[in-house]
Amino acid sequence: MELPLHLLPATRLLELYASRELSPVEATKAALAAIERHNPRFNAFCVVDQECALNYARQSEARWKAGETLGPLDGVPTTVKDLILARGWPTLRGSRTVDPDQDWDADGVLVASLRRSGAVLLGKTTTPEFGWKGVTDSPVHGITRNPWKAELTSGGSSGGAAVAAACGMGALHVGTDGGGSIRIPASFTGVVGFKPTYGIVPRHPPSPYGTLSTGGPITRSVADAALMMEVLTEPFPADFYALPMEDRAFRAGLARGIKGWRIAFSPTLSGARVDPEIAAIVAAAAKRFTELGANLVEVPPVLEDSLLAFQHHWFVGAAVQVRGMTAAQRRRLDPGFAYIAEQGSRLPAVEYAASIKAREALGSKMLAFLQSWDLLITPTMPIAAFAAGSDYPPQAGRGEWNDWTPFTYPFNLTRQPAISVPCGFTKAGLPVGLQIVGPILGDHRVLRAAQAFEQIQPFRMPEL
């Protein structure tokens, strides 16, 4: 049975456009109607531009009628996280320190690629201030809530994008991930979130968090994530960190399966504590890869704890972000962000250099590990979503947000591709995510495994 129009994946929308059974205007109106219905409750958007979206949709409709589409996303309702510049819309980054009254006349490189592909841009999704933490609330835009239970957090920092995906408020959503910011909210809201290999998705202007942070897709299906990657990986000549990606046909071979692949399953990765219910759900999901013909082997902890190395990189990035701010601006910051920026500004250079060396060792260890395995599977998160409005789950005590995200940030340090896919629900009805990790430039492999899993365990959206 066909899904409601606002929940159709982009791949299906494009089929219907091609057969003239559906217009991009109809799809855009359905997405805008979903935003009108659900955004007041869940707060996923900080900008919604109906006039702009419908104008783009009408132009796309005319191109489809003329047989002259712009690119692979022509007419697909799409959103952009509010850390990425988009011409004509303010990019406040969730911060009261950013002046909204300035010229917003430039696109970030990813938005420019989306426009060239014909995507219908609906608006911008929420983020915590400068994307600094693993939940989504900010001094400017308030709290973004979970569509499975509004009292709970969406996760972050791409929480608005994940909620928009889960609610059908657009088909495709651009997030960013510097320590799990795509995968954390994907796990908490039951959608697909893919962090690509660092360097294949250009970032301009570049992130203050440097080589930790990359853009990537948040979608309701793996095939949509693969489709989106074909646009997000368009080369950008001024990208200093670009890695060569000769094969950008991410959908090609997506359905070929994973028979014979060697997959390591690490329930704790570095000895992390995992909620027993989450652990059981993820273990059961991992075993399903044997049904797909893969050779699955549970392995002991794969990595040493890398939290300190990550925090040194993250805190210094925060310090770079606030460098040059006036004292008055600093007083307007989220106190948690101001704190880590202060810690980063005081970190001795020799300690930062030592963390760079620790990162190198971690990356080398993962390169060696994946010489023997095709993929690594872990939980995405050790817990389910917790109360909205808090930076910390009750069981974590007070610390930093990365204290309770032990499965995500290591792969920002190592630059590896990693995807979170829904793999089940807790007894309380909350989504649980499974993380699939591949070698550097093994993005096709990760997507192929995720697609195979989706076929035997289809994903389910919330009933709203």
Protein backbone atom coordinates (compact mmCIF):
# COMPACT_ATOMS: atom_id res chain seq x y z
CA MET A 1 0.00 0.00 0.00
CA GLU A 2 1.33 3.44 -0.95
CA LEU A 3 2.41 5.67 1.91
CA PRO A 4 0.77 9.07 2.47
CA LEU A 5 2.20 11.64 0.08
CA HIS A 6 4.24 13.49 2.70
CA LEU A 7 5.95 10.23 3.76
CA LEU A 8 6.90 9.02 0.29
CA PRO A 9 10.67 8.67 -0.17
CA ALA A 10 12.41 10.87 -2.69
CA THR A 11 13.10 7.88 -4.94
CA ARG A 12 9.34 7.24 -5.21
CA LEU A 13 8.53 10.92 -5.74
CA LEU A 14 10.91 11.02 -8.68
CA GLU A 15 9.28 7.93 -10.22
CA LEU A 16 5.87 9.58 -9.92
CA TYR A 17 7.15 12.83 -11.42
CA ALA A 18 8.60 10.93 -14.37
CA SER A 19 5.31 9.09 -15.00
CA ARG A 20 3.32 12.35 -14.67
CA GLU A 21 1.26 10.82 -11.83
CA LEU A 22 2.43 13.49 -9.40
CA SER A 23 3.66 17.06 -9.57
CA PRO A 24 6.46 18.60 -7.49
CA VAL A 25 3.89 21.23 -6.51
CA GLU A 26 1.66 18.56 -4.96
CA ALA A 27 4.59 16.99 -3.10
CA THR A 28 5.76 20.38 -1.83
CA LYS A 29 2.27 21.32 -0.64
CA ALA A 30 2.08 18.00 1.24
CA ALA A 31 5.43 18.68 2.94
CA LEU A 32 4.37 22.23 3.85
CA ALA A 33 1.09 20.91 5.24
CA ALA A 34 3.05 18.45 7.40
CA ILE A 35 5.19 21.34 8.66
CA GLU A 36 2.08 23.34 9.52
CA ARG A 37 0.64 20.33 11.39
CA HIS A 38 3.68 19.13 13.29
CA ASN A 39 6.21 21.93 13.65
CA PRO A 40 4.32 23.85 16.36
CA ARG A 41 4.57 20.77 18.57
CA PHE A 42 8.07 19.53 17.76
CA ASN A 43 9.94 22.71 16.72
CA ALA A 44 12.09 21.28 13.93
CA PHE A 45 12.29 24.44 11.78
CA CYS A 46 13.71 27.89 12.44
CA VAL A 47 12.89 29.10 8.89
CA VAL A 48 9.98 27.99 6.69
CA ASP A 49 9.64 29.78 3.35
CA GLN A 50 6.41 28.64 1.72
CA GLU A 51 6.52 31.19 -1.08
CA CYS A 52 10.07 30.29 -2.05
CA ALA A 53 9.37 26.55 -1.87
CA LEU A 54 6.24 26.75 -4.02
CA ASN A 55 8.06 28.92 -6.53
CA TYR A 56 10.84 26.32 -6.81
CA ALA A 57 8.22 23.58 -7.09
CA ARG A 58 6.41 25.34 -9.96
CA GLN A 59 9.68 25.77 -11.82
CA SER A 60 10.43 22.08 -11.30
CA GLU A 61 6.95 21.12 -12.51
CA ALA A 62 7.56 23.04 -15.73
CA ARG A 63 10.94 21.33 -16.23
CA TRP A 64 9.43 17.87 -15.74
CA LYS A 65 6.72 18.68 -18.29
CA ALA A 66 9.36 19.85 -20.75
CA GLY A 67 11.62 16.87 -20.09
CA GLU A 68 14.46 19.19 -19.02
CA THR A 69 15.14 18.40 -15.38
CA LEU A 70 18.14 20.00 -13.71
CA GLY A 71 19.49 17.05 -11.76
CA PRO A 72 18.75 14.00 -9.64
CA LEU A 73 16.79 15.87 -6.93
CA ASP A 74 14.59 17.98 -9.19
CA GLY A 75 11.36 18.74 -7.35
CA VAL A 76 12.18 16.90 -4.10
CA PRO A 77 11.24 18.79 -0.89
CA THR A 78 14.50 19.30 1.02
CA THR A 79 15.71 21.07 4.17
CA VAL A 80 19.05 22.48 5.34
CA LYS A 81 20.44 22.60 8.88
CA ASP A 82 20.89 26.11 10.22
CA LEU A 83 24.67 25.82 10.40
CA ILE A 84 24.89 26.03 6.60
CA LEU A 85 24.54 29.27 4.64
CA ALA A 86 21.52 29.53 2.36
CA ARG A 87 20.96 32.59 0.23
CA GLY A 88 18.06 34.77 1.34
CA TRP A 89 17.66 33.15 4.76
CA PRO A 90 19.41 34.11 8.01
CA THR A 91 21.89 31.55 9.33
CA LEU A 92 21.77 32.24 13.05
CA ARG A 93 23.34 28.91 14.07
CA GLY A 94 21.09 28.89 17.12
CA SER A 95 22.98 31.83 18.62
CA ARG A 96 21.98 35.24 19.91
CA THR A 97 25.49 36.41 19.02
CA VAL A 98 24.73 36.35 15.28
CA ASP A 99 23.20 39.53 13.88
CA PRO A 100 20.14 38.61 11.80
CA ASP A 101 20.14 42.01 10.10
CA GLN A 102 22.90 41.45 7.58
CA ASP A 103 23.18 40.46 3.96
CA TRP A 104 22.43 36.76 3.56
CA ASP A 105 23.37 36.61 -0.10
CA ALA A 106 25.65 33.56 -0.22
CA ASP A 107 25.06 29.81 -0.36
CA GLY A 108 27.21 27.27 1.40
CA VAL A 109 28.67 24.77 -1.03
CA LEU A 110 26.12 22.06 -0.16
CA VAL A 111 23.17 24.38 -0.68
CA ALA A 112 24.60 25.47 -4.02
CA SER A 113 24.79 21.80 -5.05
CA LEU A 114 21.20 21.22 -3.95
CA ARG A 115 19.99 24.21 -5.99
CA ARG A 116 21.85 22.98 -9.08
CA SER A 117 20.18 19.59 -8.69
CA GLY A 118 16.71 21.16 -8.67
CA ALA A 119 15.87 20.44 -5.02
CA VAL A 120 12.91 22.35 -3.58
CA LEU A 121 14.25 24.07 -0.47
CA LEU A 122 11.57 24.33 2.24
CA GLY A 123 13.55 26.05 4.98
CA LYS A 124 16.16 25.59 7.69
CA THR A 125 16.15 23.14 10.58
CA THR A 126 17.11 23.77 14.18
CA THR A 127 20.45 23.24 15.87
CA PRO A 128 21.89 23.93 19.32
CA GLU A 129 24.16 26.94 19.44
CA PHE A 130 26.90 26.38 16.83
CA GLY A 131 26.02 22.67 16.86
CA TRP A 132 27.97 22.18 20.05
CA LYS A 133 26.07 19.36 21.80
CA GLY A 134 24.16 16.11 21.37
CA VAL A 135 20.67 17.53 22.00
CA THR A 136 18.84 20.28 20.12
CA ASP A 137 17.87 23.38 22.04
CA SER A 138 19.21 26.87 21.66
CA PRO A 139 18.93 30.34 23.18
CA VAL A 140 17.25 31.55 19.97
CA HIS A 141 14.90 28.78 18.87
CA GLY A 142 14.10 26.83 22.04
CA ILE A 143 13.72 23.06 22.38
CA THR A 144 13.29 20.58 19.53
CA ARG A 145 11.21 17.59 20.65
CA ASN A 146 11.00 13.93 19.75
CA PRO A 147 8.06 12.88 17.53
CA TRP A 148 7.78 9.51 19.31
CA LYS A 149 7.22 11.28 22.64
CA ALA A 150 7.24 15.05 22.78
CA GLU A 151 8.53 15.16 26.36
CA LEU A 152 11.83 13.67 25.15
CA THR A 153 14.79 15.10 23.28
CA SER A 154 15.29 14.65 19.56
CA GLY A 155 19.04 14.30 20.09
CA GLY A 156 21.40 16.62 18.26
CA SER A 157 22.91 18.57 16.95
CA SER A 158 20.98 17.85 13.72
CA GLY A 159 17.83 17.30 15.76
CA GLY A 160 15.63 19.53 13.64
CA ALA A 161 16.59 17.64 10.49
CA ALA A 162 15.90 14.25 12.08
CA VAL A 163 12.50 15.32 13.40
CA ALA A 164 11.61 16.80 10.02
CA ALA A 165 12.50 13.46 8.41
CA ALA A 166 10.50 11.39 10.89
CA CYS A 167 7.40 13.58 10.50
CA GLY A 168 7.46 13.78 6.69
CA MET A 169 8.27 17.50 6.75
CA GLY A 170 10.30 17.08 3.58
CA ALA A 171 11.91 14.01 2.03
CA LEU A 172 15.62 14.91 2.22
CA HIS A 173 17.49 16.70 4.98
CA VAL A 174 21.06 17.98 5.21
CA GLY A 175 22.72 17.61 8.60
CA THR A 176 26.25 17.95 9.90
CA ASP A 177 28.16 15.53 12.11
CA GLY A 178 31.20 16.47 14.19
CA GLY A 179 30.83 13.91 17.00
CA GLY A 180 27.60 12.11 16.18
CA SER A 181 25.35 15.04 15.29
CA ILE A 182 23.67 13.16 12.42
CA ARG A 183 23.66 9.70 14.00
CA ILE A 184 22.53 10.62 17.53
CA PRO A 185 19.21 12.20 16.47
CA ALA A 186 18.73 9.54 13.79
CA SER A 187 18.92 6.90 16.52
CA PHE A 188 16.61 8.78 18.90
CA THR A 189 13.97 9.51 16.23
CA GLY A 190 14.07 6.28 14.19
CA VAL A 191 15.41 7.55 10.87
CA VAL A 192 18.50 7.02 8.70
CA GLY A 193 21.52 9.22 9.39
CA PHE A 194 24.75 8.87 7.42
CA LYS A 195 28.11 10.42 8.28
CA PRO A 196 30.27 10.00 5.16
CA THR A 197 34.02 9.58 5.00
CA TYR A 198 35.55 12.92 5.95
CA GLY A 199 36.65 14.75 2.82
CA ILE A 200 34.18 13.45 0.23
CA VAL A 201 31.48 16.00 1.12
CA PRO A 202 32.89 19.52 0.73
CA ARG A 203 32.41 22.11 3.49
CA HIS A 204 32.64 25.77 2.61
CA PRO A 205 32.84 27.84 4.64
CA PRO A 206 34.72 25.17 6.60
CA SER A 207 33.66 24.15 10.10
CA PRO A 208 35.55 25.56 13.11
CA TYR A 209 35.72 21.93 14.28
CA GLY A 210 38.00 21.19 11.34
CA THR A 211 38.37 17.60 10.21
CA LEU A 212 35.89 16.29 12.76
CA SER A 213 32.80 17.69 11.06
CA THR A 214 31.20 16.74 7.75
CA GLY A 215 27.84 17.21 6.09
CA GLY A 216 25.58 14.26 5.33
CA PRO A 217 22.03 13.08 4.71
CA ILE A 218 19.18 12.37 7.11
CA THR A 219 16.32 10.51 5.41
CA ARG A 220 13.55 7.96 5.88
CA SER A 221 15.22 5.33 3.67
CA VAL A 222 18.71 4.17 2.80
CA ALA A 223 18.08 4.61 -0.92
CA ASP A 224 17.25 8.27 -0.31
CA ALA A 225 20.51 8.71 1.59
CA ALA A 226 22.40 7.20 -1.33
CA LEU A 227 20.55 9.46 -3.78
CA MET A 228 21.41 12.49 -1.70
CA MET A 229 25.08 11.54 -1.55
CA GLU A 230 25.32 11.79 -5.34
CA VAL A 231 24.61 15.51 -4.99
CA LEU A 232 26.36 16.30 -1.70
CA THR A 233 29.66 14.87 -3.01
CA GLU A 234 29.87 17.16 -6.02
CA PRO A 235 33.49 18.36 -6.08
CA PHE A 236 34.35 21.86 -4.89
CA PRO A 237 37.69 23.22 -6.19
CA ALA A 238 38.47 25.27 -3.06
CA ASP A 239 38.02 22.36 -0.63
CA PHE A 240 41.45 21.98 0.95
CA TYR A 241 40.59 18.64 2.58
CA ALA A 242 38.91 17.00 -0.41
CA LEU A 243 39.46 13.27 -0.89
CA PRO A 244 39.17 11.76 -4.37
CA MET A 245 35.79 10.10 -4.90
CA GLU A 246 35.77 8.81 -8.45
CA ASP A 247 32.65 6.66 -8.07
CA ARG A 248 29.79 8.92 -7.00
CA ALA A 249 27.06 6.53 -8.22
CA PHE A 250 26.01 5.63 -4.68
CA ARG A 251 22.78 3.97 -5.81
CA ALA A 252 24.54 1.63 -8.22
CA GLY A 253 24.82 -1.83 -6.70
CA LEU A 254 22.88 -0.77 -3.63
CA ALA A 255 20.66 -3.87 -3.78
CA ARG A 256 23.39 -6.42 -4.53
CA GLY A 257 23.47 -7.69 -0.95
CA ILE A 258 26.30 -8.59 1.38
CA LYS A 259 26.60 -12.36 1.01
CA GLY A 260 29.98 -13.61 2.17
CA TRP A 261 31.00 -10.35 3.86
CA ARG A 262 32.90 -10.55 7.14
CA ILE A 263 31.26 -8.33 9.74
CA ALA A 264 32.56 -7.67 13.23
CA PHE A 265 29.98 -6.92 15.92
CA SER A 266 31.31 -4.97 18.89
CA PRO A 267 28.58 -4.54 21.55
CA THR A 268 30.64 -2.05 23.59
CA LEU A 269 33.33 -0.74 21.16
CA SER A 270 35.63 0.49 23.95
CA GLY A 271 34.00 -1.13 26.98
CA ALA A 272 31.11 1.35 27.07
CA ARG A 273 28.15 0.66 29.35
CA VAL A 274 24.97 0.02 27.37
CA ASP A 275 21.43 -0.09 28.68
CA PRO A 276 20.56 -3.82 28.81
CA GLU A 277 17.39 -3.38 26.77
CA ILE A 278 19.25 -1.45 24.06
CA ALA A 279 22.04 -4.05 24.06
CA ALA A 280 19.56 -6.91 23.53
CA ILE A 281 17.76 -5.12 20.68
CA VAL A 282 21.02 -4.30 18.90
CA ALA A 283 22.40 -7.82 19.36
CA ALA A 284 19.23 -9.31 17.86
CA ALA A 285 19.46 -6.90 14.93
CA ALA A 286 23.12 -7.71 14.35
CA LYS A 287 22.32 -11.43 14.16
CA ARG A 288 19.96 -10.72 11.29
CA PHE A 289 22.98 -10.01 9.07
CA THR A 290 23.56 -13.77 9.03
CA GLU A 291 20.18 -14.07 7.27
CA LEU A 292 21.71 -11.91 4.55
CA GLY A 293 24.59 -14.34 4.08
CA ALA A 294 27.20 -12.39 6.01
CA ASN A 295 29.65 -13.97 8.44
CA LEU A 296 29.02 -12.16 11.73
CA VAL A 297 31.48 -12.49 14.60
CA GLU A 298 31.14 -10.81 17.98
CA VAL A 299 34.47 -9.25 18.96
CA PRO A 300 35.83 -7.86 22.24
CA PRO A 301 36.35 -4.10 22.66
CA VAL A 302 37.96 -2.74 19.52
CA LEU A 303 39.28 0.63 20.72
CA GLU A 304 40.67 2.26 23.80
CA ASP A 305 38.67 5.11 25.29
CA SER A 306 39.26 8.18 23.10
CA LEU A 307 37.07 10.67 24.95
CA LEU A 308 39.89 12.96 26.08
CA ALA A 309 41.36 13.18 22.58
CA PHE A 310 37.96 14.03 21.17
CA GLN A 311 37.22 16.64 23.83
CA HIS A 312 40.52 18.38 23.21
CA HIS A 313 39.69 18.66 19.51
CA TRP A 314 36.08 19.68 20.20
CA PHE A 315 36.85 22.23 22.89
CA VAL A 316 39.52 23.91 20.79
CA GLY A 317 37.05 24.10 17.91
CA ALA A 318 34.60 25.85 20.25
CA ALA A 319 37.34 28.28 21.29
CA VAL A 320 37.99 29.06 17.62
CA GLN A 321 34.27 29.73 17.16
CA VAL A 322 34.14 32.39 19.89
CA ARG A 323 37.52 33.92 19.13
CA GLY A 324 36.95 37.54 18.22
CA MET A 325 33.60 37.80 20.01
CA THR A 326 33.11 40.79 22.26
CA ALA A 327 32.57 40.37 25.98
CA ALA A 328 28.92 41.31 25.46
CA GLN A 329 28.51 38.57 22.85
CA ARG A 330 30.12 35.98 25.10
CA ARG A 331 27.66 36.79 27.86
CA ARG A 332 24.84 35.85 25.46
CA LEU A 333 26.18 32.34 24.78
CA ASP A 334 24.65 29.09 25.97
CA PRO A 335 26.54 28.61 29.29
CA GLY A 336 27.55 25.07 28.35
CA PHE A 337 29.05 26.22 25.09
CA ALA A 338 30.81 29.13 26.76
CA TYR A 339 32.30 26.68 29.26
CA ILE A 340 33.80 24.31 26.69
CA ALA A 341 35.10 27.26 24.64
CA GLU A 342 36.84 28.55 27.73
CA GLN A 343 38.34 25.11 28.37
CA GLY A 344 39.56 24.98 24.79
CA SER A 345 41.17 28.41 25.00
CA ARG A 346 43.18 27.29 28.04
CA LEU A 347 44.36 23.96 26.65
CA PRO A 348 48.18 23.96 26.40
CA ALA A 349 49.48 23.53 22.87
CA VAL A 350 51.51 20.49 23.86
CA GLU A 351 48.38 18.73 25.19
CA TYR A 352 46.51 19.50 21.98
CA ALA A 353 49.44 18.14 19.98
CA ALA A 354 49.40 14.99 22.12
CA SER A 355 45.70 14.54 21.30
CA ILE A 356 46.50 14.83 17.60
CA LYS A 357 49.00 12.00 18.03
CA ALA A 358 46.39 9.97 19.93
CA ARG A 359 43.97 10.56 17.08
CA GLU A 360 46.52 9.36 14.56
CA ALA A 361 47.08 6.17 16.56
CA LEU A 362 43.33 5.58 16.80
CA GLY A 363 42.93 6.03 13.06
CA SER A 364 45.79 3.69 12.28
CA LYS A 365 44.30 1.05 14.57
CA MET A 366 40.97 1.21 12.76
CA LEU A 367 42.69 1.06 9.36
CA ALA A 368 44.45 -2.11 10.48
CA PHE A 369 41.28 -3.57 12.03
CA LEU A 370 39.31 -3.21 8.82
CA GLN A 371 41.93 -5.07 6.84
CA SER A 372 40.35 -8.19 8.32
CA TRP A 373 36.70 -7.15 8.24
CA ASP A 374 34.37 -5.66 5.67
CA LEU A 375 32.34 -3.75 8.25
CA LEU A 376 31.98 -3.09 11.97
CA ILE A 377 28.58 -3.03 13.71
CA THR A 378 27.87 -1.34 17.05
CA PRO A 379 24.94 0.26 18.82
CA THR A 380 24.51 3.87 17.70
CA MET A 381 23.61 4.99 21.21
CA PRO A 382 23.86 3.21 24.57
CA ILE A 383 20.53 4.71 25.69
CA ALA A 384 17.16 5.75 24.28
CA ALA A 385 15.96 9.36 24.15
CA PHE A 386 15.74 11.15 27.51
CA ALA A 387 13.95 14.23 28.80
CA ALA A 388 13.92 17.26 26.52
CA GLY A 389 15.55 20.41 27.85
CA SER A 390 18.46 18.59 29.50
CA ASP A 391 21.98 18.18 28.17
CA TYR A 392 22.47 14.95 30.10
CA PRO A 393 20.48 11.75 30.59
CA PRO A 394 19.72 11.00 34.26
CA GLN A 395 22.01 7.97 34.33
CA ALA A 396 25.01 9.96 33.06
CA GLY A 397 25.33 12.40 35.91
CA ARG A 398 26.68 15.81 35.00
CA GLY A 399 29.49 15.88 32.47
CA GLU A 400 29.86 16.77 28.80
CA TRP A 401 27.47 15.60 26.06
CA ASN A 402 30.07 13.27 24.60
CA ASP A 403 30.19 11.32 27.88
CA TRP A 404 26.97 9.56 26.82
CA THR A 405 27.78 9.15 23.10
CA PRO A 406 30.68 6.64 23.19
CA PHE A 407 29.83 4.97 19.87
CA THR A 408 29.70 8.03 17.60
CA TYR A 409 32.59 10.44 18.20
CA PRO A 410 35.40 7.85 17.72
CA PHE A 411 34.54 7.66 14.01
CA ASN A 412 34.74 11.42 13.65
CA LEU A 413 38.27 11.13 14.96
CA THR A 414 39.08 8.29 12.52
CA ARG A 415 37.21 9.93 9.57
CA GLN A 416 35.37 6.68 8.73
CA PRO A 417 31.89 6.46 7.20
CA ALA A 418 29.17 5.41 9.66
CA ILE A 419 25.41 5.13 9.33
CA SER A 420 22.67 4.80 11.94
CA VAL A 421 19.62 2.78 10.90
CA PRO A 422 16.54 1.98 13.00
CA CYS A 423 16.68 -1.56 14.39
CA GLY A 424 13.84 -1.84 16.88
CA PHE A 425 11.97 -0.25 19.76
CA THR A 426 12.19 -0.31 23.52
CA LYS A 427 9.25 -1.49 25.62
CA ALA A 428 8.40 2.18 26.02
CA GLY A 429 8.09 2.45 22.23
CA LEU A 430 11.27 4.47 21.64
CA PRO A 431 13.49 3.88 18.59
CA VAL A 432 16.87 2.17 18.83
CA GLY A 433 19.67 2.67 16.30
CA LEU A 434 22.20 0.24 14.84
CA GLN A 435 25.51 1.73 13.63
CA ILE A 436 27.32 0.31 10.60
CA VAL A 437 30.91 1.50 10.16
CA GLY A 438 33.13 1.01 7.13
CA PRO A 439 36.68 1.76 6.04
CA ILE A 440 37.70 5.18 4.76
CA LEU A 441 36.13 5.62 1.30
CA GLY A 442 34.00 2.54 1.98
CA ASP A 443 30.80 4.62 1.84
CA HIS A 444 29.24 2.48 -0.89
CA ARG A 445 29.84 -0.59 1.26
CA VAL A 446 28.16 0.95 4.32
CA LEU A 447 25.11 2.04 2.33
CA ARG A 448 24.83 -1.38 0.69
CA ALA A 449 24.79 -3.15 4.05
CA ALA A 450 22.25 -0.68 5.43
CA GLN A 451 20.03 -1.23 2.40
CA ALA A 452 20.21 -5.01 2.87
CA PHE A 453 19.18 -4.65 6.51
CA GLU A 454 16.32 -2.33 5.61
CA GLN A 455 14.92 -4.94 3.23
CA ILE A 456 14.56 -7.58 5.94
CA GLN A 457 13.64 -5.19 8.76
CA PRO A 458 11.68 -2.27 7.25
CA PHE A 459 11.74 1.02 9.10
CA ARG A 460 8.62 2.49 10.71
CA MET A 461 7.72 6.14 11.20
CA PRO A 462 5.79 7.52 14.20
CA GLU A 463 2.00 7.60 14.05
CA LEU A 464 1.15 11.27 14.37
